[in-house]
Structures are given as structure tokens and as C-alpha cells.
Amino acid sequence: MAAAVQTVPIVCTHKLDKQFFDSHTEEMRVPKIFRGVDIGACTSKWNAGYLAESLGDAKTTVHVCAEEKLDFITKNFQYKTLEFREYIRRSSRPLGQPLDDYFIDPHEKYYLRSLGEDVRKDTANIHEQHQQIAKDLILPQVFLEKQFFSSVLRIASPCSQLWTHYDVMDNILIQVVGSKDILLFPPEDYPYLYMRGDKSTILDPDNVDPLKYPLYCKTSPYRATLQPGDIIYIPALWFHNVKARDFSVAVNVFWKNLDASFYDSRDVYGNKDLMPAARAQQGVDKAIKTLSTLPAQYKHFFTLKIIAKLQQSLDD
């Protein structure tokens, strides 16, 4: 069983600007919910009918999964291309209502993460890809304009749950329609989350098998429930697992909180490790290959020596 779960603190404010935001986040880089912020008419307008009519026959690529929990590692979902109108119809149906024209399962779940015009080169920007609805949204100016990276539209079926992962940039998640449960873990929990790349192999952090994942009990989770209009700050490197309670529409805004030179210019999703870290990991891969030429006892000894050196660099 994990350590006691902390609750993400809530700050009530009507206005959220960079000065106010920094005063609540800069010193302690922990998640925080800002409630009561004016984000525009979107909270009253973005129902399923309005979104279907506004976004119409524009095509979009979505995740379709027979299960509630999407798993990026095992790829338990399929990608499908649908018109927005059709996607909204499918994803907004009441929980438990089956589909006649399903792809995988009558009770399949849907998840959309918007992409740029050219998915290989462009980042998502709601004001460029979805101008029809972007006019209803006021994005809080909590960072400098030159730091902006992307604004991602996310639309999900009731009870759909996204895999636990981290991002390398600071971001805010603006919940517009529906409620959402979020479980977050600090960067220091990396050794206990059984990571593969930037994603955890623990699919359901609320029901963890202690025999399969014995170190999970050492985590220090934070829990939050977002209501329509809430904005949660998720610092870079914080792991998060997100579950929609009902039909959910949100906008996720990312910005480069570090100098731009640290980030991979080819990264359009905001999840590639920082350039120095990526180079360091290449060095580790090379070291592992080199050590593999040694007899087993020597390989083990010198691997422990290198680990100790890395640990010492953390302690210094």
C-alpha cells in the first residue's frame, strides 16, 4: 500500500496572471489547482452539441480502446480517423450505453489528443487547428509569450483513463467540461513507478499488486479532482495518471520553463528528454555495451562502481 495520499492544494482566484501564478508555484514546484479563474464562455458553450456543430466534418485521429485503461506500452488501443461530429457522438454517449457501429467493442472508450497540422513537424495549437471554438477560451497568461510550446485539445469518454507518464515541460491542464481525477507523483518517485521510458508499467495506480510492484508502497502520491473551470499546474517531471469521471473536454497548455536550448527542436509532443539528459543516456547505453564484454563477476562489480559514482553526484 502506498504512503498516505496528499491532496493537491486549491487556490481560489478570479484573475490568474504570471505574477500571481509565480507567487504560488515558483518557490515550491508542486501541483496546485486554481479555481474560479475566468476562462471565457467555453464552460457554458462547449457541450457535445455545440462541439459537434462547430468542429463538424473536420477529420481527427483518435484512440479507441475496448478497456477503460489505455496502455501505451502494450498498445491496447487502435487509432481511427473520424469526423469530429462523429467522434463527439461516440465519446459523449452516456456511460453504459453500447454502440451498434463499434470498432472493437460495444462499450469501447475514446480519447483524443489534438495534433499539429503536420504531425511530424508542428505542435498542437488550439487557436490554429480549432479556431471555431478557441474564441470561447481565455488562456491564462502564466508564462512569457516566447516560452509557449503547445495548446492541446483533449476530449475523452466517461471513465477513460490515461497511462501514468511525465512531461519535460511545465504545463497547466484547463478542465472545461466534466470532472476528472488525477493522481500525481513527485519526480523522486521514479524508482518506485516501474518506468519504461517516460511511461509507467503500472496501469492502475489505485489497485497495485504488491507482489508484482513491491516498491510502489514507497511513493508519495498527490490526488486531485478537477471540476469544470478548474486549472491544475503540473510541474515538469511530475508523473500523472488521469481519469475522466464523465464526458471530458480539456485544454492542456505547455511552455518551455527552461532555456530553449535544453529542448529537442524536433519534439512536437513535449515528451522527449532534455538534450543533455538524452546525450547522457546514450553514454549509459554505450557503457552497458562496453561492460558486457567483461566476465560476469567483473561486469557486476564495475556496474556497482559506476552506480555508486552516479549516486555520489546526486548527494554532492
Protein backbone atom coordinates (compact mmCIF):
# COMPACT_ATOMS: atom_id res chain seq x y z
CA MET A 1 0.00 0.00 0.00
CA ALA A 2 1.31 3.46 -0.92
CA ALA A 3 2.09 6.14 1.63
CA ALA A 4 -0.68 8.48 2.72
CA VAL A 5 -2.06 10.39 -0.24
CA GLN A 6 -1.77 14.16 -0.08
CA THR A 7 -4.41 16.46 -1.55
CA VAL A 8 -3.39 18.99 -4.17
CA PRO A 9 -3.97 22.45 -2.64
CA ILE A 10 -6.62 24.73 -4.16
CA VAL A 11 -6.17 28.48 -4.68
CA CYS A 12 -9.35 30.44 -5.34
CA THR A 13 -8.87 33.46 -7.60
CA HIS A 14 -10.75 35.21 -10.40
CA LYS A 15 -7.64 36.53 -12.12
CA LEU A 16 -4.61 34.40 -12.90
CA ASP A 17 -1.60 36.23 -14.33
CA LYS A 18 2.12 35.44 -14.32
CA GLN A 19 2.89 37.38 -11.15
CA PHE A 20 0.13 35.69 -9.15
CA PHE A 21 0.97 32.29 -10.64
CA ASP A 22 4.69 32.61 -9.87
CA SER A 23 3.98 33.66 -6.30
CA HIS A 24 2.16 30.35 -5.73
CA THR A 25 4.39 27.99 -7.74
CA GLU A 26 7.93 29.30 -8.15
CA GLU A 27 9.34 28.55 -4.70
CA MET A 28 7.73 25.12 -4.25
CA ARG A 29 7.34 23.31 -7.54
CA VAL A 30 4.35 21.19 -6.56
CA PRO A 31 0.95 20.78 -8.27
CA LYS A 32 -1.70 23.36 -7.46
CA ILE A 33 -5.32 23.89 -8.53
CA PHE A 34 -6.53 27.39 -9.40
CA ARG A 35 -10.31 27.65 -9.03
CA GLY A 36 -12.65 30.44 -10.06
CA VAL A 37 -10.48 31.79 -12.89
CA ASP A 38 -12.30 33.43 -15.81
CA ILE A 39 -11.53 31.17 -18.79
CA GLY A 40 -14.26 32.54 -21.04
CA ALA A 41 -17.57 31.29 -22.39
CA CYS A 42 -16.24 27.77 -23.05
CA THR A 43 -17.54 26.39 -19.74
CA SER A 44 -21.12 27.20 -20.73
CA LYS A 45 -20.87 26.66 -24.51
CA TRP A 46 -18.74 23.56 -25.03
CA ASN A 47 -21.43 20.89 -24.70
CA ALA A 48 -21.48 17.92 -27.07
CA GLY A 49 -23.97 19.52 -29.46
CA TYR A 50 -22.01 22.75 -29.77
CA LEU A 51 -18.70 20.96 -30.29
CA ALA A 52 -20.18 18.62 -32.92
CA GLU A 53 -21.70 21.54 -34.83
CA SER A 54 -18.64 23.80 -34.53
CA LEU A 55 -15.97 21.23 -35.40
CA GLY A 56 -18.24 19.48 -37.93
CA ASP A 57 -16.75 17.27 -40.60
CA ALA A 58 -13.10 18.09 -39.90
CA LYS A 59 -11.13 14.84 -39.58
CA THR A 60 -9.22 13.84 -36.46
CA THR A 61 -7.21 10.81 -35.32
CA VAL A 62 -8.34 9.26 -32.03
CA HIS A 63 -7.57 6.37 -29.69
CA VAL A 64 -10.20 3.62 -29.48
CA CYS A 65 -9.90 1.12 -26.63
CA ALA A 66 -12.07 -1.80 -25.51
CA GLU A 67 -10.99 -1.16 -21.91
CA GLU A 68 -11.23 1.85 -19.62
CA LYS A 69 -7.46 1.98 -19.03
CA LEU A 70 -5.38 2.92 -22.04
CA ASP A 71 -1.91 1.38 -22.03
CA PHE A 72 0.67 2.98 -24.32
CA ILE A 73 3.27 0.30 -23.63
CA THR A 74 1.16 -2.69 -24.73
CA LYS A 75 -0.84 -0.56 -27.19
CA ASN A 76 -4.22 -1.95 -26.10
CA PHE A 77 -5.95 0.56 -28.38
CA GLN A 78 -6.33 1.31 -32.06
CA TYR A 79 -6.00 4.59 -33.93
CA LYS A 80 -9.03 5.59 -36.00
CA THR A 81 -9.76 8.63 -38.14
CA LEU A 82 -13.20 10.14 -37.65
CA GLU A 83 -15.04 13.33 -38.41
CA PHE A 84 -15.28 15.44 -35.27
CA ARG A 85 -19.07 15.30 -35.38
CA GLU A 86 -18.93 11.51 -35.29
CA TYR A 87 -16.22 11.43 -32.66
CA ILE A 88 -18.25 13.65 -30.34
CA ARG A 89 -21.30 11.42 -30.80
CA ARG A 90 -19.32 8.35 -29.84
CA SER A 91 -17.27 9.78 -26.96
CA SER A 92 -20.11 11.74 -25.32
CA ARG A 93 -22.61 8.89 -25.08
CA PRO A 94 -23.71 8.07 -21.50
CA LEU A 95 -21.71 5.55 -19.53
CA GLY A 96 -23.00 2.03 -20.18
CA GLN A 97 -24.75 2.87 -23.45
CA PRO A 98 -23.46 0.45 -26.13
CA LEU A 99 -22.63 1.36 -29.71
CA ASP A 100 -24.11 -0.51 -32.64
CA ASP A 101 -21.42 0.69 -35.04
CA TYR A 102 -18.41 -0.02 -32.84
CA PHE A 103 -14.84 -0.76 -33.96
CA ILE A 104 -13.67 -3.13 -31.20
CA ASP A 105 -16.33 -3.46 -28.51
CA PRO A 106 -19.87 -2.08 -27.98
CA HIS A 107 -18.64 -0.32 -24.81
CA GLU A 108 -15.34 0.92 -26.24
CA LYS A 109 -13.73 4.12 -24.92
CA TYR A 110 -12.42 7.06 -26.90
CA TYR A 111 -9.59 9.52 -26.32
CA LEU A 112 -8.46 12.46 -28.42
CA ARG A 113 -5.21 14.39 -28.09
CA SER A 114 -5.13 17.06 -30.80
CA LEU A 115 -2.12 17.27 -33.11
CA GLY A 116 -0.47 19.91 -35.29
CA GLU A 117 -1.22 20.39 -38.99
CA ASP A 118 1.84 18.32 -39.92
CA VAL A 119 2.13 15.77 -37.11
CA ARG A 120 5.84 15.31 -37.82
CA LYS A 121 6.78 18.99 -37.61
CA ASP A 122 4.02 21.06 -36.00
CA THR A 123 2.92 21.29 -32.37
CA ALA A 124 -0.75 21.42 -31.42
CA ASN A 125 -2.22 24.92 -31.15
CA ILE A 126 -5.94 25.21 -30.45
CA HIS A 127 -6.04 28.71 -31.97
CA GLU A 128 -4.68 27.36 -35.25
CA GLN A 129 -6.31 23.93 -35.54
CA HIS A 130 -9.64 24.67 -33.82
CA GLN A 131 -10.34 28.36 -34.32
CA GLN A 132 -14.11 27.70 -34.29
CA ILE A 133 -14.06 27.00 -30.55
CA ALA A 134 -10.80 28.66 -29.47
CA LYS A 135 -12.57 32.02 -29.50
CA ASP A 136 -14.59 30.87 -26.48
CA LEU A 137 -11.48 30.18 -24.38
CA ILE A 138 -9.34 32.63 -22.40
CA LEU A 139 -5.90 31.15 -21.76
CA PRO A 140 -4.28 32.46 -18.55
CA GLN A 141 -1.01 34.27 -19.26
CA VAL A 142 1.18 32.50 -16.72
CA PHE A 143 4.37 32.45 -18.81
CA LEU A 144 6.18 34.67 -21.30
CA GLU A 145 4.87 34.57 -24.87
CA LYS A 146 8.23 33.35 -26.21
CA GLN A 147 8.05 30.32 -23.88
CA PHE A 148 4.83 28.95 -25.40
CA PHE A 149 5.10 25.44 -26.80
CA SER A 150 1.63 24.00 -27.42
CA SER A 151 -2.05 24.08 -26.51
CA VAL A 152 -3.62 20.64 -26.78
CA LEU A 153 -7.35 19.89 -27.00
CA ARG A 154 -8.22 16.71 -25.10
CA ILE A 155 -11.64 15.03 -25.36
CA ALA A 156 -12.36 11.72 -23.63
CA SER A 157 -15.15 9.24 -22.94
CA PRO A 158 -16.54 8.77 -19.42
CA CYS A 159 -14.28 6.58 -17.25
CA SER A 160 -11.42 6.54 -19.77
CA GLN A 161 -8.05 6.53 -18.02
CA LEU A 162 -4.72 7.62 -19.45
CA TRP A 163 -1.41 5.91 -18.65
CA THR A 164 0.92 7.33 -15.98
CA HIS A 165 3.63 9.47 -17.58
CA TYR A 166 5.71 12.60 -17.14
CA ASP A 167 6.34 15.63 -19.36
CA VAL A 168 9.58 17.59 -19.61
CA MET A 169 7.82 20.97 -19.65
CA ASP A 170 5.68 22.81 -17.13
CA ASN A 171 2.03 22.75 -18.10
CA ILE A 172 -1.46 23.66 -16.99
CA LEU A 173 -4.50 21.49 -17.64
CA ILE A 174 -7.69 23.52 -18.02
CA GLN A 175 -10.75 21.40 -17.34
CA VAL A 176 -13.67 22.82 -19.36
CA VAL A 177 -16.36 20.10 -19.43
CA GLY A 178 -16.82 17.23 -16.98
CA SER A 179 -14.85 16.16 -13.92
CA LYS A 180 -11.50 14.44 -13.84
CA ASP A 181 -9.48 12.55 -11.21
CA ILE A 182 -5.71 12.98 -11.26
CA LEU A 183 -3.12 11.05 -9.31
CA LEU A 184 0.33 12.68 -9.29
CA PHE A 185 3.76 11.59 -8.08
CA PRO A 186 6.87 13.74 -7.48
CA PRO A 187 9.99 13.16 -9.62
CA GLU A 188 11.68 11.48 -6.66
CA ASP A 189 9.22 8.57 -7.04
CA TYR A 190 10.84 7.47 -10.32
CA PRO A 191 12.47 4.36 -8.76
CA TYR A 192 9.12 3.14 -7.43
CA LEU A 193 6.93 3.51 -10.53
CA TYR A 194 8.49 0.80 -12.70
CA MET A 195 9.09 3.13 -15.62
CA ARG A 196 9.67 2.21 -19.22
CA GLY A 197 10.84 5.34 -20.97
CA ASP A 198 8.55 8.17 -19.88
CA LYS A 199 5.64 5.86 -19.00
CA SER A 200 4.91 3.66 -16.00
CA THR A 201 4.17 -0.04 -16.41
CA ILE A 202 1.70 0.27 -13.51
CA LEU A 203 -1.59 0.55 -15.35
CA ASP A 204 -3.88 1.09 -12.36
CA PRO A 205 -2.11 3.00 -9.55
CA ASP A 206 -5.24 2.76 -7.37
CA ASN A 207 -5.08 -1.05 -7.36
CA VAL A 208 -1.45 -2.11 -7.38
CA ASP A 209 -0.34 -5.72 -6.92
CA PRO A 210 2.24 -5.53 -4.07
CA LEU A 211 3.86 -8.79 -5.19
CA LYS A 212 4.41 -7.55 -8.74
CA TYR A 213 5.29 -3.97 -7.74
CA PRO A 214 6.71 -4.15 -4.18
CA LEU A 215 8.41 -0.74 -4.33
CA TYR A 216 5.21 1.14 -5.13
CA CYS A 217 4.47 1.45 -1.40
CA LYS A 218 7.32 3.97 -1.19
CA THR A 219 5.60 6.51 -3.44
CA SER A 220 4.31 9.86 -2.20
CA PRO A 221 1.16 10.44 -4.29
CA TYR A 222 -0.97 13.54 -4.57
CA ARG A 223 -4.64 13.39 -5.55
CA ALA A 224 -6.85 15.98 -7.22
CA THR A 225 -10.37 16.12 -8.61
CA LEU A 226 -10.91 18.77 -11.27
CA GLN A 227 -14.30 20.40 -11.71
CA PRO A 228 -15.36 22.40 -14.81
CA GLY A 229 -13.35 25.62 -14.89
CA ASP A 230 -10.50 24.31 -12.70
CA ILE A 231 -6.88 24.76 -13.77
CA ILE A 232 -4.19 22.46 -12.41
CA TYR A 233 -0.49 23.28 -12.61
CA ILE A 234 1.61 20.16 -13.32
CA PRO A 235 5.33 20.87 -12.93
CA ALA A 236 7.77 19.28 -15.35
CA LEU A 237 8.84 15.73 -14.42
CA TRP A 238 5.81 15.12 -12.17
CA PHE A 239 4.16 11.81 -13.04
CA HIS A 240 0.40 11.93 -13.54
CA ASN A 241 -2.41 9.49 -14.19
CA VAL A 242 -5.68 10.99 -15.42
CA LYS A 243 -9.20 9.52 -15.38
CA ALA A 244 -12.33 11.19 -16.76
CA ARG A 245 -15.36 10.77 -14.49
CA ASP A 246 -17.71 11.70 -17.33
CA PHE A 247 -17.52 13.14 -20.86
CA SER A 248 -14.45 15.33 -20.57
CA VAL A 249 -13.14 18.29 -22.55
CA ALA A 250 -9.92 19.98 -21.51
CA VAL A 251 -7.11 22.12 -22.90
CA ASN A 252 -3.52 21.39 -21.92
CA VAL A 253 -1.01 24.24 -22.31
CA PHE A 254 2.75 23.57 -22.29
CA TRP A 255 5.61 26.04 -22.12
CA LYS A 256 9.41 25.89 -22.05
CA ASN A 257 10.17 26.77 -18.44
CA LEU A 258 13.91 26.31 -19.09
CA ASP A 259 16.15 27.87 -21.74
CA ALA A 260 15.01 26.76 -25.21
CA SER A 261 18.42 25.20 -25.94
CA PHE A 262 17.68 22.37 -23.47
CA TYR A 263 14.77 21.05 -25.57
CA ASP A 264 14.88 18.88 -28.67
CA SER A 265 13.78 21.08 -31.58
CA ARG A 266 12.25 18.02 -33.27
CA ASP A 267 9.95 17.26 -30.33
CA VAL A 268 6.33 18.07 -31.26
CA TYR A 269 4.72 16.35 -28.25
CA GLY A 270 6.81 17.79 -25.42
CA ASN A 271 7.85 14.40 -24.05
CA LYS A 272 11.40 13.91 -25.32
CA ASP A 273 14.02 14.10 -22.60
CA LEU A 274 16.12 17.26 -22.40
CA MET A 275 19.10 17.25 -24.77
CA PRO A 276 21.84 16.89 -22.11
CA ALA A 277 19.87 14.07 -20.46
CA ALA A 278 19.39 12.32 -23.81
CA ARG A 279 23.14 12.51 -24.51
CA ALA A 280 23.89 11.18 -21.02
CA GLN A 281 21.56 8.23 -21.58
CA GLN A 282 23.33 7.46 -24.84
CA GLY A 283 26.55 7.35 -22.83
CA VAL A 284 24.93 4.95 -20.36
CA ASP A 285 23.85 2.67 -23.22
CA LYS A 286 27.42 2.70 -24.53
CA ALA A 287 28.78 1.93 -21.03
CA ILE A 288 26.39 -1.02 -20.67
CA LYS A 289 27.53 -2.40 -24.01
CA THR A 290 31.19 -1.97 -23.03
CA LEU A 291 30.71 -3.61 -19.62
CA SER A 292 29.00 -6.59 -21.26
CA THR A 293 32.40 -7.64 -22.67
CA LEU A 294 33.65 -8.40 -19.15
CA PRO A 295 33.22 -11.70 -17.28
CA ALA A 296 30.03 -11.69 -15.19
CA GLN A 297 31.70 -11.09 -11.80
CA TYR A 298 33.69 -8.13 -13.13
CA LYS A 299 30.73 -6.71 -15.02
CA HIS A 300 28.69 -6.77 -11.81
CA PHE A 301 31.47 -5.14 -9.75
CA PHE A 302 32.18 -2.28 -12.16
CA THR A 303 28.49 -1.66 -12.76
CA LEU A 304 28.06 -1.18 -9.00
CA LYS A 305 31.07 1.18 -9.01
CA ILE A 306 29.52 3.33 -11.73
CA ILE A 307 26.15 3.35 -9.94
CA ALA A 308 27.91 4.50 -6.76
CA LYS A 309 29.60 7.30 -8.68
CA LEU A 310 26.28 8.47 -10.11
CA GLN A 311 24.69 8.30 -6.65
CA GLN A 312 27.55 10.35 -5.22
CA SER A 313 26.92 13.04 -7.85
CA LEU A 314 23.31 13.30 -6.58
CA ASP A 315 24.49 13.62 -2.99
CA ASP A 316 27.15 16.28 -3.71
